[in-house]
Amino acid sequence: MTTDYPIGPIMLDVAGLALTEHEKEVINHPNTGAVILFARNYQDPEQIAQLISSIRKARSGQILIAVDQEGGRVQRFQNGFTRLPPACCYADSPELAETAGWLMAAELLAVGVDFSFAPVLDIDCGISDVIGNRSFSTESILATALASAFRKGMNAAGMAATGKHFPGHGAVAVDSHLALPVDERDLDSIRAKDLLPFKTLIDEGLEAIMPAHVVYKNIDPNPAGFSPFWIQRILRKELGFNGVVFSDDLSMEGAASAGGFPERARLAQQAGCDMLLVCNNPSAAEQVLDSLTISNNPLREQRLAKMCGKPQFNREQLLSTEKWQQASNQIREFVSSYA
């Protein structure tokens, strides 16, 4: 008898262009819930569609497939996909941002991806190189309008959106992939500048949020992704968010202060994260899978189920639509003029 597992609490990755037998076993662990794909997993649209199909076949039950496909320097799938500009380029055109959101989502959904971790809701404060032009603007109101338009396009294509990196990563110079950034601002300053995009998109129905591996030391001693204050008090209670909370990657150096990998996972889960990312470290991912108690959480499962993609076309159908042709040409021309 085969058990249909619910969507588990761990998102992991795979090594290459096709699955190994061991990876198939790990994907079918009861605690696995999602796979995130990287550039190393991508050769062309046909290959990635086959890889995604094999991931789904390896799972007894539902599994989510994700990727970072923001545009600019964070676009994992390039050859065979429309190259998208950095978010900062949409400054004069919410309509273009909406078109890009639809195009990004439609192309991913057509090969079997459920969602991209987008849009970035961080405000560019002229400090953070790791955010920089990934932000829609240096101005909160404009960044909010553009991110809202981008999400609207994603939703129109059938894709849920994930706002990142709560409550804002744009005011620290340190890259949380490499070290633990510390933001010295007070809560009023962050509310005044950084929280507007999150609050507005939450009010509009934002499906998911990813907290930052940043310590806001004058507010709470824990990085936001390990902080009940940020996730439960500010995000859930004050802002009224009822969607999915994804941890940022627990393999990043910004998470190391929380301890070993099982401890990082436990603390993130206790803080309120629904799904925990453990990437680029297969042994750590397996440690976390085995360390978490296997238990049903109907509310978490309901939230995660809303991240499932709702594709309107397969790839062949999509590329023959007038909407895709117009959107792709518009974005390509825009990127050429920007370059």
C-alpha atoms as a PDB file:
ATOM      1  CA  MET A   1       0.000   0.000   0.000  1.00  0.00           C
ATOM      2  CA  THR A   2       1.415   3.391  -1.016  1.00  0.00           C
ATOM      3  CA  THR A   3       1.065   6.342   1.355  1.00  0.00           C
ATOM      4  CA  ASP A   4       0.198   9.711  -0.129  1.00  0.00           C
ATOM      5  CA  TYR A   5       2.265  12.095   1.972  1.00  0.00           C
ATOM      6  CA  PRO A   6       1.126  15.671   2.548  1.00  0.00           C
ATOM      7  CA  ILE A   7       3.443  18.534   1.542  1.00  0.00           C
ATOM      8  CA  GLY A   8       6.254  18.283   4.083  1.00  0.00           C
ATOM      9  CA  PRO A   9       8.072  21.149   5.840  1.00  0.00           C
ATOM     10  CA  ILE A  10      11.471  20.885   4.092  1.00  0.00           C
ATOM     11  CA  MET A  11      12.557  22.344   0.746  1.00  0.00           C
ATOM     12  CA  LEU A  12      15.772  20.863  -0.620  1.00  0.00           C
ATOM     13  CA  ASP A  13      17.679  20.771  -3.891  1.00  0.00           C
ATOM     14  CA  VAL A  14      19.183  18.239  -6.295  1.00  0.00           C
ATOM     15  CA  ALA A  15      22.653  18.064  -7.775  1.00  0.00           C
ATOM     16  CA  GLY A  16      22.344  17.973 -11.530  1.00  0.00           C
ATOM     17  CA  LEU A  17      20.295  17.666 -14.685  1.00  0.00           C
ATOM     18  CA  ALA A  18      18.695  14.349 -13.720  1.00  0.00           C
ATOM     19  CA  LEU A  19      17.870  12.614 -10.438  1.00  0.00           C
ATOM     20  CA  THR A  20      20.059  10.009  -8.801  1.00  0.00           C
ATOM     21  CA  GLU A  21      18.449   7.000  -7.173  1.00  0.00           C
ATOM     22  CA  HIS A  22      19.394   8.349  -3.753  1.00  0.00           C
ATOM     23  CA  GLU A  23      17.783  11.710  -4.521  1.00  0.00           C
ATOM     24  CA  LYS A  24      14.571   9.897  -5.414  1.00  0.00           C
ATOM     25  CA  GLU A  25      14.595   8.296  -1.960  1.00  0.00           C
ATOM     26  CA  VAL A  26      15.214  11.640  -0.240  1.00  0.00           C
ATOM     27  CA  ILE A  27      12.410  13.310  -2.210  1.00  0.00           C
ATOM     28  CA  ASN A  28      10.043  10.641  -0.899  1.00  0.00           C
ATOM     29  CA  HIS A  29      10.962  11.260   2.746  1.00  0.00           C
ATOM     30  CA  PRO A  30       7.771  12.164   4.658  1.00  0.00           C
ATOM     31  CA  ASN A  31       9.246  15.545   5.674  1.00  0.00           C
ATOM     32  CA  THR A  32      10.152  16.618   2.135  1.00  0.00           C
ATOM     33  CA  GLY A  33       7.740  19.160   0.730  1.00  0.00           C
ATOM     34  CA  ALA A  34       9.495  20.983  -2.103  1.00  0.00           C
ATOM     35  CA  VAL A  35      12.501  21.107  -4.398  1.00  0.00           C
ATOM     36  CA  ILE A  36      14.207  24.349  -5.418  1.00  0.00           C
ATOM     37  CA  LEU A  37      15.991  24.346  -8.763  1.00  0.00           C
ATOM     38  CA  PHE A  38      19.192  26.211  -9.638  1.00  0.00           C
ATOM     39  CA  ALA A  39      21.067  27.110 -12.830  1.00  0.00           C
ATOM     40  CA  ARG A  40      23.072  23.882 -12.513  1.00  0.00           C
ATOM     41  CA  ASN A  41      19.823  21.936 -12.910  1.00  0.00           C
ATOM     42  CA  TYR A  42      18.926  23.682 -16.152  1.00  0.00           C
ATOM     43  CA  GLN A  43      19.980  22.918 -19.727  1.00  0.00           C
ATOM     44  CA  ASP A  44      16.925  23.782 -21.812  1.00  0.00           C
ATOM     45  CA  PRO A  45      13.127  23.817 -21.438  1.00  0.00           C
ATOM     46  CA  GLU A  46      12.693  20.200 -22.513  1.00  0.00           C
ATOM     47  CA  GLN A  47      15.283  18.918 -20.032  1.00  0.00           C
ATOM     48  CA  ILE A  48      13.904  20.922 -17.093  1.00  0.00           C
ATOM     49  CA  ALA A  49      10.374  19.729 -17.812  1.00  0.00           C
ATOM     50  CA  GLN A  50      11.661  16.145 -17.737  1.00  0.00           C
ATOM     51  CA  LEU A  51      13.556  16.729 -14.474  1.00  0.00           C
ATOM     52  CA  ILE A  52      10.460  18.228 -12.855  1.00  0.00           C
ATOM     53  CA  SER A  53       8.351  15.311 -14.057  1.00  0.00           C
ATOM     54  CA  SER A  54      10.809  12.850 -12.519  1.00  0.00           C
ATOM     55  CA  ILE A  55      10.787  14.765  -9.214  1.00  0.00           C
ATOM     56  CA  ARG A  56       6.998  14.526  -9.077  1.00  0.00           C
ATOM     57  CA  LYS A  57       7.071  10.818  -9.937  1.00  0.00           C
ATOM     58  CA  ALA A  58       9.555  10.177  -7.122  1.00  0.00           C
ATOM     59  CA  ARG A  59       7.142  11.566  -4.530  1.00  0.00           C
ATOM     60  CA  SER A  60       4.249   9.614  -3.049  1.00  0.00           C
ATOM     61  CA  GLY A  61       2.025  12.639  -2.750  1.00  0.00           C
ATOM     62  CA  GLN A  62       2.197  16.298  -3.643  1.00  0.00           C
ATOM     63  CA  ILE A  63       5.469  18.228  -3.947  1.00  0.00           C
ATOM     64  CA  LEU A  64       6.166  21.865  -4.801  1.00  0.00           C
ATOM     65  CA  ILE A  65       8.766  22.966  -7.354  1.00  0.00           C
ATOM     66  CA  ALA A  66      10.369  26.396  -6.935  1.00  0.00           C
ATOM     67  CA  VAL A  67      13.083  28.549  -8.481  1.00  0.00           C
ATOM     68  CA  ASP A  68      14.527  32.054  -8.159  1.00  0.00           C
ATOM     69  CA  GLN A  69      13.532  33.731 -11.426  1.00  0.00           C
ATOM     70  CA  GLU A  70      13.349  37.426 -10.484  1.00  0.00           C
ATOM     71  CA  GLY A  71      15.167  38.725 -13.551  1.00  0.00           C
ATOM     72  CA  GLY A  72      18.458  40.566 -13.857  1.00  0.00           C
ATOM     73  CA  ARG A  73      21.283  38.753 -12.077  1.00  0.00           C
ATOM     74  CA  VAL A  74      18.853  36.384 -10.350  1.00  0.00           C
ATOM     75  CA  GLN A  75      17.371  34.344 -13.185  1.00  0.00           C
ATOM     76  CA  ARG A  76      18.245  30.650 -12.987  1.00  0.00           C
ATOM     77  CA  PHE A  77      16.682  29.587 -16.303  1.00  0.00           C
ATOM     78  CA  GLN A  78      17.947  31.667 -19.223  1.00  0.00           C
ATOM     79  CA  ASN A  79      18.463  29.832 -22.521  1.00  0.00           C
ATOM     80  CA  GLY A  80      14.966  29.286 -23.912  1.00  0.00           C
ATOM     81  CA  PHE A  81      13.366  31.723 -21.477  1.00  0.00           C
ATOM     82  CA  THR A  82      12.814  35.436 -21.942  1.00  0.00           C
ATOM     83  CA  ARG A  83      15.594  37.384 -20.214  1.00  0.00           C
ATOM     84  CA  LEU A  84      14.018  39.713 -17.696  1.00  0.00           C
ATOM     85  CA  PRO A  85      15.533  43.021 -16.571  1.00  0.00           C
ATOM     86  CA  PRO A  86      16.413  43.826 -12.942  1.00  0.00           C
ATOM     87  CA  ALA A  87      13.439  45.019 -10.906  1.00  0.00           C
ATOM     88  CA  CYS A  88      14.791  48.567 -10.659  1.00  0.00           C
ATOM     89  CA  CYS A  89      14.254  49.064 -14.409  1.00  0.00           C
ATOM     90  CA  TYR A  90      10.455  49.175 -14.227  1.00  0.00           C
ATOM     91  CA  ALA A  91      10.497  52.542 -12.431  1.00  0.00           C
ATOM     92  CA  ASP A  92       8.309  54.396 -14.924  1.00  0.00           C
ATOM     93  CA  SER A  93       5.898  51.623 -15.800  1.00  0.00           C
ATOM     94  CA  PRO A  94       3.732  49.489 -13.502  1.00  0.00           C
ATOM     95  CA  GLU A  95       2.184  48.117 -16.712  1.00  0.00           C
ATOM     96  CA  LEU A  96       5.557  46.771 -17.822  1.00  0.00           C
ATOM     97  CA  ALA A  97       6.154  45.266 -14.371  1.00  0.00           C
ATOM     98  CA  GLU A  98       2.807  43.492 -14.613  1.00  0.00           C
ATOM     99  CA  THR A  99       3.677  42.194 -18.091  1.00  0.00           C
ATOM    100  CA  ALA A 100       7.022  40.893 -16.817  1.00  0.00           C
ATOM    101  CA  GLY A 101       5.369  39.203 -13.839  1.00  0.00           C
ATOM    102  CA  TRP A 102       2.923  37.430 -16.146  1.00  0.00           C
ATOM    103  CA  LEU A 103       5.642  36.429 -18.603  1.00  0.00           C
ATOM    104  CA  MET A 104       7.988  35.085 -15.931  1.00  0.00           C
ATOM    105  CA  ALA A 105       5.208  33.079 -14.320  1.00  0.00           C
ATOM    106  CA  ALA A 106       3.661  31.764 -17.540  1.00  0.00           C
ATOM    107  CA  GLU A 107       7.003  30.494 -18.862  1.00  0.00           C
ATOM    108  CA  LEU A 108       7.818  28.700 -15.600  1.00  0.00           C
ATOM    109  CA  LEU A 109       4.367  27.194 -15.166  1.00  0.00           C
ATOM    110  CA  ALA A 110       4.511  25.846 -18.721  1.00  0.00           C
ATOM    111  CA  VAL A 111       7.482  23.591 -17.827  1.00  0.00           C
ATOM    112  CA  GLY A 112       6.050  22.476 -14.485  1.00  0.00           C
ATOM    113  CA  VAL A 113       7.453  24.946 -11.928  1.00  0.00           C
ATOM    114  CA  ASP A 114       4.923  25.929  -9.261  1.00  0.00           C
ATOM    115  CA  PHE A 115       6.374  29.280  -8.208  1.00  0.00           C
ATOM    116  CA  SER A 116       9.308  31.654  -8.272  1.00  0.00           C
ATOM    117  CA  PHE A 117      10.502  33.363  -5.093  1.00  0.00           C
ATOM    118  CA  ALA A 118       9.402  36.818  -6.216  1.00  0.00           C
ATOM    119  CA  PRO A 119       8.836  39.706  -5.954  1.00  0.00           C
ATOM    120  CA  VAL A 120      11.621  41.317  -3.919  1.00  0.00           C
ATOM    121  CA  LEU A 121       9.975  43.799  -1.534  1.00  0.00           C
ATOM    122  CA  ASP A 122      13.195  45.219  -0.079  1.00  0.00           C
ATOM    123  CA  ILE A 123      13.730  48.959  -0.436  1.00  0.00           C
ATOM    124  CA  ASP A 124      17.070  49.886  -1.999  1.00  0.00           C
ATOM    125  CA  CYS A 125      18.794  52.123   0.555  1.00  0.00           C
ATOM    126  CA  GLY A 126      21.987  52.445  -1.491  1.00  0.00           C
ATOM    127  CA  ILE A 127      23.801  50.208   1.000  1.00  0.00           C
ATOM    128  CA  SER A 128      23.199  46.568   0.102  1.00  0.00           C
ATOM    129  CA  ASP A 129      24.962  45.209  -2.980  1.00  0.00           C
ATOM    130  CA  VAL A 130      23.217  41.848  -2.620  1.00  0.00           C
ATOM    131  CA  ILE A 131      19.855  43.638  -2.971  1.00  0.00           C
ATOM    132  CA  GLY A 132      20.719  46.726  -5.046  1.00  0.00           C
ATOM    133  CA  ASN A 133      18.973  46.599  -8.408  1.00  0.00           C
ATOM    134  CA  ARG A 134      16.892  43.590  -7.334  1.00  0.00           C
ATOM    135  CA  SER A 135      14.759  46.185  -5.515  1.00  0.00           C
ATOM    136  CA  PHE A 136      12.018  47.933  -7.450  1.00  0.00           C
ATOM    137  CA  SER A 137      12.938  51.346  -6.058  1.00  0.00           C
ATOM    138  CA  THR A 138      14.619  53.462  -3.420  1.00  0.00           C
ATOM    139  CA  GLU A 139      11.172  54.911  -2.649  1.00  0.00           C
ATOM    140  CA  SER A 140       8.716  52.868  -0.602  1.00  0.00           C
ATOM    141  CA  ILE A 141       5.578  54.019  -2.407  1.00  0.00           C
ATOM    142  CA  LEU A 142       6.971  53.376  -5.877  1.00  0.00           C
ATOM    143  CA  ALA A 143       8.507  50.021  -4.871  1.00  0.00           C
ATOM    144  CA  THR A 144       5.120  49.005  -3.482  1.00  0.00           C
ATOM    145  CA  ALA A 145       3.238  49.957  -6.648  1.00  0.00           C
ATOM    146  CA  LEU A 146       5.667  48.123  -8.918  1.00  0.00           C
ATOM    147  CA  ALA A 147       5.841  44.998  -6.752  1.00  0.00           C
ATOM    148  CA  SER A 148       2.057  44.936  -6.566  1.00  0.00           C
ATOM    149  CA  ALA A 149       1.844  45.129 -10.367  1.00  0.00           C
ATOM    150  CA  PHE A 150       4.444  42.363 -10.769  1.00  0.00           C
ATOM    151  CA  ARG A 151       2.480  40.126  -8.399  1.00  0.00           C
ATOM    152  CA  LYS A 152      -0.734  40.911 -10.272  1.00  0.00           C
ATOM    153  CA  GLY A 153       0.893  39.611 -13.443  1.00  0.00           C
ATOM    154  CA  MET A 154       2.115  36.463 -11.677  1.00  0.00           C
ATOM    155  CA  ASN A 155      -1.361  35.783 -10.321  1.00  0.00           C
ATOM    156  CA  ALA A 156      -2.944  36.307 -13.737  1.00  0.00           C
ATOM    157  CA  ALA A 157      -0.704  33.568 -15.123  1.00  0.00           C
ATOM    158  CA  GLY A 158      -1.662  31.182 -12.300  1.00  0.00           C
ATOM    159  CA  MET A 159       1.292  31.613  -9.924  1.00  0.00           C
ATOM    160  CA  ALA A 160       1.380  32.511  -6.235  1.00  0.00           C
ATOM    161  CA  ALA A 161       3.856  35.175  -5.127  1.00  0.00           C
ATOM    162  CA  THR A 162       6.454  35.259  -2.343  1.00  0.00           C
ATOM    163  CA  GLY A 163       7.536  38.622  -0.964  1.00  0.00           C
ATOM    164  CA  LYS A 164      11.083  38.806   0.359  1.00  0.00           C
ATOM    165  CA  HIS A 165      13.027  39.566   2.581  1.00  0.00           C
ATOM    166  CA  PHE A 166      10.852  40.528   5.568  1.00  0.00           C
ATOM    167  CA  PRO A 167      11.075  43.042   7.234  1.00  0.00           C
ATOM    168  CA  GLY A 168      13.661  44.461   4.791  1.00  0.00           C
ATOM    169  CA  HIS A 169      17.225  43.584   3.734  1.00  0.00           C
ATOM    170  CA  GLY A 170      18.057  46.793   1.875  1.00  0.00           C
ATOM    171  CA  ALA A 171      19.714  48.757   4.704  1.00  0.00           C
ATOM    172  CA  VAL A 172      22.621  46.404   5.513  1.00  0.00           C
ATOM    173  CA  ALA A 173      25.846  46.072   3.542  1.00  0.00           C
ATOM    174  CA  VAL A 174      26.722  42.517   4.584  1.00  0.00           C
ATOM    175  CA  ASP A 175      25.525  39.684   2.329  1.00  0.00           C
ATOM    176  CA  SER A 176      23.626  37.170   4.489  1.00  0.00           C
ATOM    177  CA  HIS A 177      24.879  34.363   2.230  1.00  0.00           C
ATOM    178  CA  LEU A 178      28.355  35.064   3.631  1.00  0.00           C
ATOM    179  CA  ALA A 179      27.831  36.484   7.131  1.00  0.00           C
ATOM    180  CA  LEU A 180      25.134  37.680   9.535  1.00  0.00           C
ATOM    181  CA  PRO A 181      24.089  41.276   8.767  1.00  0.00           C
ATOM    182  CA  VAL A 182      23.099  43.584  11.623  1.00  0.00           C
ATOM    183  CA  ASP A 183      20.606  46.409  11.070  1.00  0.00           C
ATOM    184  CA  GLU A 184      20.819  49.059  13.808  1.00  0.00           C
ATOM    185  CA  ARG A 185      17.603  50.935  12.999  1.00  0.00           C
ATOM    186  CA  ASP A 186      14.691  51.107  15.426  1.00  0.00           C
ATOM    187  CA  LEU A 187      11.225  49.715  14.779  1.00  0.00           C
ATOM    188  CA  ASP A 188       9.696  53.084  13.919  1.00  0.00           C
ATOM    189  CA  SER A 189      12.312  53.616  11.191  1.00  0.00           C
ATOM    190  CA  ILE A 190      11.629  50.203   9.673  1.00  0.00           C
ATOM    191  CA  ARG A 191       7.874  50.727   9.851  1.00  0.00           C
ATOM    192  CA  ALA A 192       8.246  54.092   8.128  1.00  0.00           C
ATOM    193  CA  LYS A 193      10.361  52.838   5.219  1.00  0.00           C
ATOM    194  CA  ASP A 194      10.490  49.059   4.822  1.00  0.00           C
ATOM    195  CA  LEU A 195       7.131  47.649   5.884  1.00  0.00           C
ATOM    196  CA  LEU A 196       4.889  49.463   3.381  1.00  0.00           C
ATOM    197  CA  PRO A 197       5.381  46.966   0.506  1.00  0.00           C
ATOM    198  CA  PHE A 198       4.770  44.034   2.853  1.00  0.00           C
ATOM    199  CA  LYS A 199       1.689  45.598   4.447  1.00  0.00           C
ATOM    200  CA  THR A 200       0.169  46.619   1.120  1.00  0.00           C
ATOM    201  CA  LEU A 201       0.713  43.290  -0.620  1.00  0.00           C
ATOM    202  CA  ILE A 202      -0.514  41.401   2.456  1.00  0.00           C
ATOM    203  CA  ASP A 203      -3.699  43.462   2.306  1.00  0.00           C
ATOM    204  CA  GLU A 204      -3.954  42.500  -1.383  1.00  0.00           C
ATOM    205  CA  GLY A 205      -3.699  38.781  -0.561  1.00  0.00           C
ATOM    206  CA  LEU A 206       0.047  37.999  -0.820  1.00  0.00           C
ATOM    207  CA  GLU A 207       0.431  34.214  -0.686  1.00  0.00           C
ATOM    208  CA  ALA A 208       3.883  33.823   0.917  1.00  0.00           C
ATOM    209  CA  ILE A 209       6.722  35.704   2.603  1.00  0.00           C
ATOM    210  CA  MET A 210      10.398  34.930   3.214  1.00  0.00           C
ATOM    211  CA  PRO A 211      12.071  36.553   6.245  1.00  0.00           C
ATOM    212  CA  ALA A 212      15.614  37.907   6.111  1.00  0.00           C
ATOM    213  CA  HIS A 213      18.670  36.408   7.798  1.00  0.00           C
ATOM    214  CA  VAL A 214      19.266  39.808   9.375  1.00  0.00           C
ATOM    215  CA  VAL A 215      19.445  40.806  13.045  1.00  0.00           C
ATOM    216  CA  TYR A 216      17.645  44.053  13.899  1.00  0.00           C
ATOM    217  CA  LYS A 217      19.584  44.347  17.128  1.00  0.00           C
ATOM    218  CA  ASN A 218      17.708  47.280  18.654  1.00  0.00           C
ATOM    219  CA  ILE A 219      14.421  45.414  18.233  1.00  0.00           C
ATOM    220  CA  ASP A 220      15.073  41.693  18.736  1.00  0.00           C
ATOM    221  CA  PRO A 221      18.289  39.658  19.227  1.00  0.00           C
ATOM    222  CA  ASN A 222      17.333  36.909  16.760  1.00  0.00           C
ATOM    223  CA  PRO A 223      17.628  37.016  12.966  1.00  0.00           C
ATOM    224  CA  ALA A 224      14.135  37.657  11.575  1.00  0.00           C
ATOM    225  CA  GLY A 225      13.736  34.108  10.273  1.00  0.00           C
ATOM    226  CA  PHE A 226      14.297  32.733  13.795  1.00  0.00           C
ATOM    227  CA  SER A 227      12.301  35.425  15.583  1.00  0.00           C
ATOM    228  CA  PRO A 228       8.830  34.893  17.079  1.00  0.00           C
ATOM    229  CA  PHE A 229       8.732  38.673  17.498  1.00  0.00           C
ATOM    230  CA  TRP A 230       9.050  39.326  13.764  1.00  0.00           C
ATOM    231  CA  ILE A 231       7.073  36.346  12.451  1.00  0.00           C
ATOM    232  CA  GLN A 232       4.324  35.960  15.032  1.00  0.00           C
ATOM    233  CA  ARG A 233       3.933  39.406  16.562  1.00  0.00           C
ATOM    234  CA  ILE A 234       4.664  41.739  13.621  1.00  0.00           C
ATOM    235  CA  LEU A 235       3.949  39.608  10.541  1.00  0.00           C
ATOM    236  CA  ARG A 236       1.050  37.462  11.725  1.00  0.00           C
ATOM    237  CA  LYS A 237      -0.594  39.674  14.367  1.00  0.00           C
ATOM    238  CA  GLU A 238       0.183  43.277  13.429  1.00  0.00           C
ATOM    239  CA  LEU A 239       0.151  42.906   9.640  1.00  0.00           C
ATOM    240  CA  GLY A 240      -2.465  40.148   9.582  1.00  0.00           C
ATOM    241  CA  PHE A 241      -0.542  37.817   7.275  1.00  0.00           C
ATOM    242  CA  ASN A 242      -2.093  34.345   6.955  1.00  0.00           C
ATOM    243  CA  GLY A 243      -0.045  32.887   4.090  1.00  0.00           C
ATOM    244  CA  VAL A 244       3.077  30.720   3.960  1.00  0.00           C
ATOM    245  CA  VAL A 245       6.284  31.727   5.732  1.00  0.00           C
ATOM    246  CA  PHE A 246       9.353  30.266   3.999  1.00  0.00           C
ATOM    247  CA  SER A 247      12.645  30.398   5.854  1.00  0.00           C
ATOM    248  CA  ASP A 248      15.558  31.700   3.832  1.00  0.00           C
ATOM    249  CA  ASP A 249      18.179  29.036   3.154  1.00  0.00           C
ATOM    250  CA  LEU A 250      19.349  27.527   6.470  1.00  0.00           C
ATOM    251  CA  SER A 251      22.718  26.783   4.825  1.00  0.00           C
ATOM    252  CA  MET A 252      23.515  30.488   4.521  1.00  0.00           C
ATOM    253  CA  GLU A 253      26.083  31.958   6.910  1.00  0.00           C
ATOM    254  CA  GLY A 254      23.424  34.353   8.135  1.00  0.00           C
ATOM    255  CA  ALA A 255      21.706  31.338   9.735  1.00  0.00           C
ATOM    256  CA  ALA A 256      24.800  29.862  11.381  1.00  0.00           C
ATOM    257  CA  SER A 257      24.333  31.770  14.639  1.00  0.00           C
ATOM    258  CA  ALA A 258      21.315  29.577  15.384  1.00  0.00           C
ATOM    259  CA  GLY A 259      23.504  26.466  15.763  1.00  0.00           C
ATOM    260  CA  GLY A 260      23.762  23.197  13.858  1.00  0.00           C
ATOM    261  CA  PHE A 261      21.322  22.358  11.097  1.00  0.00           C
ATOM    262  CA  PRO A 262      18.768  20.477  13.217  1.00  0.00           C
ATOM    263  CA  GLU A 263      18.819  23.343  15.728  1.00  0.00           C
ATOM    264  CA  ARG A 264      18.396  25.932  12.957  1.00  0.00           C
ATOM    265  CA  ALA A 265      15.407  24.010  11.653  1.00  0.00           C
ATOM    266  CA  ARG A 266      13.847  23.639  15.086  1.00  0.00           C
ATOM    267  CA  LEU A 267      14.244  27.339  15.928  1.00  0.00           C
ATOM    268  CA  ALA A 268      12.904  28.483  12.546  1.00  0.00           C
ATOM    269  CA  GLN A 269       9.913  26.198  12.880  1.00  0.00           C
ATOM    270  CA  GLN A 270       9.237  27.344  16.456  1.00  0.00           C
ATOM    271  CA  ALA A 271       9.453  30.973  15.311  1.00  0.00           C
ATOM    272  CA  GLY A 272       6.671  30.311  12.818  1.00  0.00           C
ATOM    273  CA  CYS A 273       8.216  29.215   9.504  1.00  0.00           C
ATOM    274  CA  ASP A 274       5.969  26.821   7.570  1.00  0.00           C
ATOM    275  CA  MET A 275       8.667  25.516   5.242  1.00  0.00           C
ATOM    276  CA  LEU A 276      12.431  25.412   5.774  1.00  0.00           C
ATOM    277  CA  LEU A 277      14.955  25.688   2.935  1.00  0.00           C
ATOM    278  CA  VAL A 278      18.143  23.623   3.181  1.00  0.00           C
ATOM    279  CA  CYS A 279      20.130  24.037  -0.035  1.00  0.00           C
ATOM    280  CA  ASN A 280      23.556  23.143  -1.446  1.00  0.00           C
ATOM    281  CA  ASN A 281      24.313  20.791   1.436  1.00  0.00           C
ATOM    282  CA  PRO A 282      22.709  17.360   0.938  1.00  0.00           C
ATOM    283  CA  SER A 283      23.984  15.914   4.210  1.00  0.00           C
ATOM    284  CA  ALA A 284      22.543  18.873   6.136  1.00  0.00           C
ATOM    285  CA  ALA A 285      19.207  18.463   4.356  1.00  0.00           C
ATOM    286  CA  GLU A 286      19.083  14.809   5.367  1.00  0.00           C
ATOM    287  CA  GLN A 287      19.974  15.692   8.963  1.00  0.00           C
ATOM    288  CA  VAL A 288      17.064  18.122   9.058  1.00  0.00           C
ATOM    289  CA  LEU A 289      14.658  15.694   7.402  1.00  0.00           C
ATOM    290  CA  ASP A 290      15.431  13.054  10.032  1.00  0.00           C
ATOM    291  CA  SER A 291      15.498  15.463  12.987  1.00  0.00           C
ATOM    292  CA  LEU A 292      12.002  16.913  12.623  1.00  0.00           C
ATOM    293  CA  THR A 293       9.036  15.141  14.131  1.00  0.00           C
ATOM    294  CA  ILE A 294       6.736  13.833  11.426  1.00  0.00           C
ATOM    295  CA  SER A 295       3.319  15.250  12.215  1.00  0.00           C
ATOM    296  CA  ASN A 296       0.311  16.560  10.374  1.00  0.00           C
ATOM    297  CA  ASN A 297      -0.367  20.281  10.546  1.00  0.00           C
ATOM    298  CA  PRO A 298      -3.581  20.968   8.619  1.00  0.00           C
ATOM    299  CA  LEU A 299      -3.216  24.777   8.696  1.00  0.00           C
ATOM    300  CA  ARG A 300       0.347  24.638   7.359  1.00  0.00           C
ATOM    301  CA  GLU A 301      -0.698  22.140   4.698  1.00  0.00           C
ATOM    302  CA  GLN A 302      -3.600  24.376   3.600  1.00  0.00           C
ATOM    303  CA  ARG A 303      -1.261  27.346   3.280  1.00  0.00           C
ATOM    304  CA  LEU A 304       1.292  25.377   1.272  1.00  0.00           C
ATOM    305  CA  ALA A 305      -1.354  23.893  -1.026  1.00  0.00           C
ATOM    306  CA  LYS A 306      -2.093  27.437  -2.230  1.00  0.00           C
ATOM    307  CA  MET A 307       1.458  27.605  -3.647  1.00  0.00           C
ATOM    308  CA  CYS A 308       0.657  24.948  -6.263  1.00  0.00           C
ATOM    309  CA  GLY A 309       0.913  26.373  -9.769  1.00  0.00           C
ATOM    310  CA  LYS A 310      -2.158  26.639 -11.966  1.00  0.00           C
ATOM    311  CA  PRO A 311      -0.750  26.589 -15.507  1.00  0.00           C
ATOM    312  CA  GLN A 312      -3.002  27.739 -18.302  1.00  0.00           C
ATOM    313  CA  PHE A 313      -0.836  26.363 -21.131  1.00  0.00           C
ATOM    314  CA  ASN A 314       1.838  23.794 -21.794  1.00  0.00           C
ATOM    315  CA  ARG A 315       4.991  25.241 -23.355  1.00  0.00           C
ATOM    316  CA  GLU A 316       3.986  24.575 -26.961  1.00  0.00           C
ATOM    317  CA  GLN A 317       0.600  26.200 -26.416  1.00  0.00           C
ATOM    318  CA  LEU A 318       2.096  29.171 -24.590  1.00  0.00           C
ATOM    319  CA  LEU A 319       4.605  29.995 -27.320  1.00  0.00           C
ATOM    320  CA  SER A 320       1.825  30.049 -29.902  1.00  0.00           C
ATOM    321  CA  THR A 321      -0.315  32.576 -28.024  1.00  0.00           C
ATOM    322  CA  GLU A 322      -0.434  36.170 -29.140  1.00  0.00           C
ATOM    323  CA  LYS A 323      -0.187  37.295 -25.495  1.00  0.00           C
ATOM    324  CA  TRP A 324       3.146  35.526 -24.968  1.00  0.00           C
ATOM    325  CA  GLN A 325       4.542  36.792 -28.269  1.00  0.00           C
ATOM    326  CA  GLN A 326       3.610  40.379 -27.474  1.00  0.00           C
ATOM    327  CA  ALA A 327       4.838  40.193 -23.881  1.00  0.00           C
ATOM    328  CA  SER A 328       8.131  38.525 -24.796  1.00  0.00           C
ATOM    329  CA  ASN A 329       8.824  41.012 -27.587  1.00  0.00           C
ATOM    330  CA  GLN A 330       7.984  43.934 -25.314  1.00  0.00           C
ATOM    331  CA  ILE A 331      10.346  42.747 -22.574  1.00  0.00           C
ATOM    332  CA  ARG A 332      13.121  41.862 -25.032  1.00  0.00           C
ATOM    333  CA  GLU A 333      12.924  45.322 -26.618  1.00  0.00           C
ATOM    334  CA  PHE A 334      12.934  46.928 -23.198  1.00  0.00           C
ATOM    335  CA  VAL A 335      15.979  44.933 -22.089  1.00  0.00           C
ATOM    336  CA  SER A 336      17.788  45.882 -25.308  1.00  0.00           C
ATOM    337  CA  SER A 337      17.071  49.570 -24.779  1.00  0.00           C
ATOM    338  CA  TYR A 338      18.116  49.331 -21.126  1.00  0.00           C
ATOM    339  CA  ALA A 339      21.397  47.641 -22.037  1.00  0.00           C
END
